[in-house]
C-alpha atoms as a PDB file:
ATOM      1  CA  MET A   1       6.167 -18.739 -11.708  1.00  0.00           C
ATOM      2  CA  ASN A   2       7.612 -17.628  -8.378  1.00  0.00           C
ATOM      3  CA  ILE A   3       9.353 -14.221  -8.298  1.00  0.00           C
ATOM      4  CA  PHE A   4      11.901 -15.615  -5.871  1.00  0.00           C
ATOM      5  CA  ASN A   5      13.416 -18.265  -8.116  1.00  0.00           C
ATOM      6  CA  ASN A   6      15.960 -17.555 -10.846  1.00  0.00           C
ATOM      7  CA  ARG A   7      13.319 -16.651 -13.404  1.00  0.00           C
ATOM      8  CA  PRO A   8      11.336 -13.549 -12.445  1.00  0.00           C
ATOM      9  CA  LYS A   9       7.562 -13.484 -12.925  1.00  0.00           C
ATOM     10  CA  VAL A  10       7.993 -10.372 -15.043  1.00  0.00           C
ATOM     11  CA  ALA A  11      10.779 -10.038 -17.585  1.00  0.00           C
ATOM     12  CA  PRO A  12      13.911  -8.339 -16.272  1.00  0.00           C
ATOM     13  CA  VAL A  13      14.731  -4.803 -17.286  1.00  0.00           C
ATOM     14  CA  ALA A  14      15.771  -4.611 -20.898  1.00  0.00           C
ATOM     15  CA  ALA A  15      17.242  -1.736 -22.803  1.00  0.00           C
ATOM     16  CA  PRO A  16      14.383   0.478 -24.027  1.00  0.00           C
ATOM     17  CA  ALA A  17      13.365  -0.167 -27.598  1.00  0.00           C
ATOM     18  CA  ALA A  18      13.358   2.703 -30.039  1.00  0.00           C
ATOM     19  CA  GLU A  19      10.128   4.628 -29.657  1.00  0.00           C
ATOM     20  CA  THR A  20       7.753   4.722 -32.573  1.00  0.00           C
ATOM     21  CA  ALA A  21       5.603   7.657 -33.570  1.00  0.00           C
ATOM     22  CA  THR A  22       2.549   5.993 -31.992  1.00  0.00           C
ATOM     23  CA  GLU A  23       4.185   5.448 -28.578  1.00  0.00           C
ATOM     24  CA  LYS A  24       3.983   8.078 -25.884  1.00  0.00           C
ATOM     25  CA  PRO A  25       7.539   9.158 -25.140  1.00  0.00           C
ATOM     26  CA  GLY A  26       8.771   8.852 -21.563  1.00  0.00           C
ATOM     27  CA  LYS A  27       9.684  11.861 -19.484  1.00  0.00           C
ATOM     28  CA  THR A  28      13.189  13.161 -19.555  1.00  0.00           C
ATOM     29  CA  ASP A  29      15.359  13.242 -16.481  1.00  0.00           C
ATOM     30  CA  GLU A  30      14.936  17.024 -16.379  1.00  0.00           C
ATOM     31  CA  GLN A  31      11.130  16.726 -16.515  1.00  0.00           C
ATOM     32  CA  TRP A  32      11.179  14.287 -13.573  1.00  0.00           C
ATOM     33  CA  ARG A  33      13.440  16.664 -11.623  1.00  0.00           C
ATOM     34  CA  GLN A  34      10.973  19.526 -12.207  1.00  0.00           C
ATOM     35  CA  GLU A  35       7.906  17.477 -11.205  1.00  0.00           C
ATOM     36  CA  LEU A  36       9.283  15.689  -8.132  1.00  0.00           C
ATOM     37  CA  THR A  37      10.766  16.993  -4.910  1.00  0.00           C
ATOM     38  CA  PRO A  38      14.476  16.182  -4.438  1.00  0.00           C
ATOM     39  CA  GLU A  39      13.589  13.299  -2.055  1.00  0.00           C
ATOM     40  CA  GLU A  40      10.920  11.925  -4.397  1.00  0.00           C
ATOM     41  CA  TYR A  41      13.383  12.073  -7.279  1.00  0.00           C
ATOM     42  CA  ARG A  42      16.114  10.326  -5.246  1.00  0.00           C
ATOM     43  CA  VAL A  43      13.819   7.439  -4.308  1.00  0.00           C
ATOM     44  CA  LEU A  44      11.578   7.104  -7.366  1.00  0.00           C
ATOM     45  CA  ARG A  45      14.074   7.793 -10.151  1.00  0.00           C
ATOM     46  CA  GLN A  46      17.408   6.841  -8.543  1.00  0.00           C
ATOM     47  CA  ALA A  47      16.189   3.791  -6.569  1.00  0.00           C
ATOM     48  CA  GLY A  48      16.943   5.359  -3.201  1.00  0.00           C
ATOM     49  CA  THR A  49      15.430   4.392   0.137  1.00  0.00           C
ATOM     50  CA  GLU A  50      13.877   6.676   2.713  1.00  0.00           C
ATOM     51  CA  ARG A  51      14.917   6.279   6.335  1.00  0.00           C
ATOM     52  CA  PRO A  52      12.731   3.849   8.316  1.00  0.00           C
ATOM     53  CA  TYR A  53       9.965   5.250  10.522  1.00  0.00           C
ATOM     54  CA  THR A  54      10.112   8.639   8.779  1.00  0.00           C
ATOM     55  CA  GLY A  55       7.701   8.162   5.876  1.00  0.00           C
ATOM     56  CA  GLU A  56       4.135   9.375   5.774  1.00  0.00           C
ATOM     57  CA  TYR A  57       2.464   5.939   5.533  1.00  0.00           C
ATOM     58  CA  TRP A  58       4.541   3.460   7.554  1.00  0.00           C
ATOM     59  CA  ASP A  59       1.918   3.318  10.323  1.00  0.00           C
ATOM     60  CA  THR A  60      -1.188   4.554   8.483  1.00  0.00           C
ATOM     61  CA  HIS A  61      -4.385   2.521   8.781  1.00  0.00           C
ATOM     62  CA  THR A  62      -6.609   4.762   6.622  1.00  0.00           C
ATOM     63  CA  ALA A  63      -8.712   2.940   4.018  1.00  0.00           C
ATOM     64  CA  GLY A  64      -7.949   3.750   0.406  1.00  0.00           C
ATOM     65  CA  VAL A  65      -5.855   3.101  -2.656  1.00  0.00           C
ATOM     66  CA  TYR A  66      -2.126   3.781  -2.842  1.00  0.00           C
ATOM     67  CA  GLN A  67      -1.046   5.342  -6.130  1.00  0.00           C
ATOM     68  CA  CYS A  68       2.406   5.830  -7.623  1.00  0.00           C
ATOM     69  CA  ARG A  69       3.486   9.318  -6.580  1.00  0.00           C
ATOM     70  CA  ALA A  70       5.200   9.844  -9.938  1.00  0.00           C
ATOM     71  CA  CYS A  71       2.428   8.853 -12.361  1.00  0.00           C
ATOM     72  CA  GLY A  72      -0.751   8.177 -10.361  1.00  0.00           C
ATOM     73  CA  ALA A  73      -1.083   4.486 -11.283  1.00  0.00           C
ATOM     74  CA  GLU A  74      -3.020   2.507  -8.665  1.00  0.00           C
ATOM     75  CA  LEU A  75      -0.599   0.045  -7.053  1.00  0.00           C
ATOM     76  CA  PHE A  76      -1.782  -1.199  -3.624  1.00  0.00           C
ATOM     77  CA  THR A  77      -4.843  -0.960  -1.383  1.00  0.00           C
ATOM     78  CA  SER A  78      -5.217  -0.623   2.352  1.00  0.00           C
ATOM     79  CA  LYS A  79      -6.865  -4.087   2.371  1.00  0.00           C
ATOM     80  CA  GLU A  80      -3.456  -5.700   1.721  1.00  0.00           C
ATOM     81  CA  LYS A  81      -1.514  -3.385   4.036  1.00  0.00           C
ATOM     82  CA  PHE A  82      -0.275  -4.856   7.308  1.00  0.00           C
ATOM     83  CA  ASP A  83       1.840  -3.880  10.294  1.00  0.00           C
ATOM     84  CA  SER A  84       5.299  -5.369   9.810  1.00  0.00           C
ATOM     85  CA  HIS A  85       6.990  -2.989  12.278  1.00  0.00           C
ATOM     86  CA  CYS A  86       9.877  -2.536   9.821  1.00  0.00           C
ATOM     87  CA  GLY A  87       9.527   1.241   9.425  1.00  0.00           C
ATOM     88  CA  TRP A  88       8.087   1.241   5.888  1.00  0.00           C
ATOM     89  CA  PRO A  89       4.574   0.587   4.561  1.00  0.00           C
ATOM     90  CA  SER A  90       4.129  -3.151   4.021  1.00  0.00           C
ATOM     91  CA  PHE A  91       1.645  -4.933   1.765  1.00  0.00           C
ATOM     92  CA  TRP A  92       1.159  -8.653   1.189  1.00  0.00           C
ATOM     93  CA  ALA A  93       0.231  -8.189  -2.503  1.00  0.00           C
ATOM     94  CA  PRO A  94      -0.116  -5.467  -5.127  1.00  0.00           C
ATOM     95  CA  LEU A  95      -3.549  -4.329  -6.337  1.00  0.00           C
ATOM     96  CA  ALA A  96      -2.985  -6.440  -9.477  1.00  0.00           C
ATOM     97  CA  GLU A  97       0.141  -8.210 -10.716  1.00  0.00           C
ATOM     98  CA  GLU A  98       0.307  -6.086 -13.870  1.00  0.00           C
ATOM     99  CA  THR A  99       0.612  -2.858 -11.830  1.00  0.00           C
ATOM    100  CA  VAL A 100       4.173  -3.664 -10.724  1.00  0.00           C
ATOM    101  CA  ARG A 101       7.238  -5.276 -12.251  1.00  0.00           C
ATOM    102  CA  TYR A 102      10.182  -7.005 -10.660  1.00  0.00           C
ATOM    103  CA  ILE A 103      13.934  -6.749 -11.051  1.00  0.00           C
ATOM    104  CA  HIS A 104      16.522  -9.011  -9.457  1.00  0.00           C
ATOM    105  CA  ASP A 105      18.596  -6.574  -7.377  1.00  0.00           C
ATOM    106  CA  ARG A 106      22.062  -7.827  -6.493  1.00  0.00           C
ATOM    107  CA  ALA A 107      23.343  -4.514  -5.111  1.00  0.00           C
ATOM    108  CA  LEU A 108      24.699  -4.213  -1.583  1.00  0.00           C
ATOM    109  CA  GLY A 109      26.038  -7.782  -1.682  1.00  0.00           C
ATOM    110  CA  MET A 110      22.652  -9.479  -1.343  1.00  0.00           C
ATOM    111  CA  GLU A 111      19.898 -10.829  -3.559  1.00  0.00           C
ATOM    112  CA  ARG A 112      16.649  -8.867  -3.391  1.00  0.00           C
ATOM    113  CA  ILE A 113      13.651  -8.390  -5.655  1.00  0.00           C
ATOM    114  CA  GLU A 114      13.090  -4.733  -6.514  1.00  0.00           C
ATOM    115  CA  VAL A 115       9.511  -3.576  -7.128  1.00  0.00           C
ATOM    116  CA  ARG A 116       8.855  -0.889  -9.747  1.00  0.00           C
ATOM    117  CA  CYS A 117       5.756   0.827 -11.076  1.00  0.00           C
ATOM    118  CA  ALA A 118       4.827  -0.912 -14.331  1.00  0.00           C
ATOM    119  CA  ALA A 119       3.436   2.331 -15.766  1.00  0.00           C
ATOM    120  CA  CYS A 120       6.381   4.727 -15.287  1.00  0.00           C
ATOM    121  CA  ASP A 121       9.247   2.480 -14.116  1.00  0.00           C
ATOM    122  CA  SER A 122       9.649   4.322 -10.810  1.00  0.00           C
ATOM    123  CA  HIS A 123      11.339   2.521  -7.912  1.00  0.00           C
ATOM    124  CA  LEU A 124       8.874   1.602  -5.170  1.00  0.00           C
ATOM    125  CA  GLY A 125      10.802  -0.697  -2.834  1.00  0.00           C
ATOM    126  CA  HIS A 126      11.465  -4.436  -2.511  1.00  0.00           C
ATOM    127  CA  VAL A 127       9.476  -7.607  -1.903  1.00  0.00           C
ATOM    128  CA  PHE A 128      10.579 -10.282   0.579  1.00  0.00           C
ATOM    129  CA  GLU A 129       9.266 -13.786   1.178  1.00  0.00           C
ATOM    130  CA  GLY A 130       9.271 -16.283   4.006  1.00  0.00           C
ATOM    131  CA  GLU A 131       9.655 -13.870   6.916  1.00  0.00           C
ATOM    132  CA  GLY A 132       6.891 -15.487   8.964  1.00  0.00           C
ATOM    133  CA  TYR A 133       4.349 -12.659   9.025  1.00  0.00           C
ATOM    134  CA  GLY A 134       1.439 -15.017   8.405  1.00  0.00           C
ATOM    135  CA  THR A 135       0.068 -13.036   5.481  1.00  0.00           C
ATOM    136  CA  PRO A 136      -1.918 -14.864   2.774  1.00  0.00           C
ATOM    137  CA  THR A 137       1.046 -14.740   0.357  1.00  0.00           C
ATOM    138  CA  ASP A 138       3.915 -15.001   2.894  1.00  0.00           C
ATOM    139  CA  GLN A 139       5.333 -11.932   1.135  1.00  0.00           C
ATOM    140  CA  ARG A 140       6.116  -8.408   2.328  1.00  0.00           C
ATOM    141  CA  TYR A 141       6.145  -5.626  -0.230  1.00  0.00           C
ATOM    142  CA  CYS A 142       8.320  -3.125   1.634  1.00  0.00           C
ATOM    143  CA  ILE A 143       7.504   0.160  -0.108  1.00  0.00           C
ATOM    144  CA  ASN A 144       8.847   3.674   0.429  1.00  0.00           C
ATOM    145  CA  SER A 145       6.141   6.099   1.594  1.00  0.00           C
ATOM    146  CA  VAL A 146       7.589   8.771  -0.684  1.00  0.00           C
ATOM    147  CA  SER A 147       6.845   6.485  -3.657  1.00  0.00           C
ATOM    148  CA  LEU A 148       3.139   6.464  -2.813  1.00  0.00           C
ATOM    149  CA  ARG A 149       0.130   8.756  -2.523  1.00  0.00           C
ATOM    150  CA  LEU A 150      -2.882   7.530  -0.534  1.00  0.00           C
ATOM    151  CA  VAL A 151      -6.263   8.327  -2.049  1.00  0.00           C
ATOM    152  CA  THR A 152      -9.048   7.759   0.459  1.00  0.00           C
ATOM    153  CA  ALA A 153     -12.672   7.072  -0.455  1.00  0.00           C
ATOM    154  CA  ASP A 154     -13.444  10.662   0.610  1.00  0.00           C
ATOM    155  CA  ASP A 155     -10.664  12.029  -1.622  1.00  0.00           C
ATOM    156  CA  ALA A 156     -11.805   9.942  -4.600  1.00  0.00           C
ATOM    157  CA  GLY A 157     -15.353  11.329  -4.314  1.00  0.00           C
ATOM    158  CA  ASN A 158     -14.218  14.961  -4.687  1.00  0.00           C
END
């Protein structure tokens, strides 16, 4: 199923079910505020957007895996990263479909597909299709640098 039609590939956000004793409870808003910088909190937990061309990874070409800055889940790799010249890191696909989830975002008077971390529900950015970049999927995952942490092969070995 295509994420750009009326039925998202992943189920839309639903109200959280009551947690059972066997489920790991999510972090409270206060815990997120203590763990994240104010900018990380604004983007990851309040679905903000960093200014273009200001993030750490918008023009990075270093090989490695991009993790969620909030929870450490592996989301994207440098193999799928490409230069879109939009001011944010761009990827043509996530590491695996189950690492992200999608929400139809109708804010700001337009239809967009929001991308969130499947593990912790943090806002990552948006995905766009049909922009003519010539990528294998014809998609651009436009992701905030502040939502990511790059782990290089050298870093992973330590």
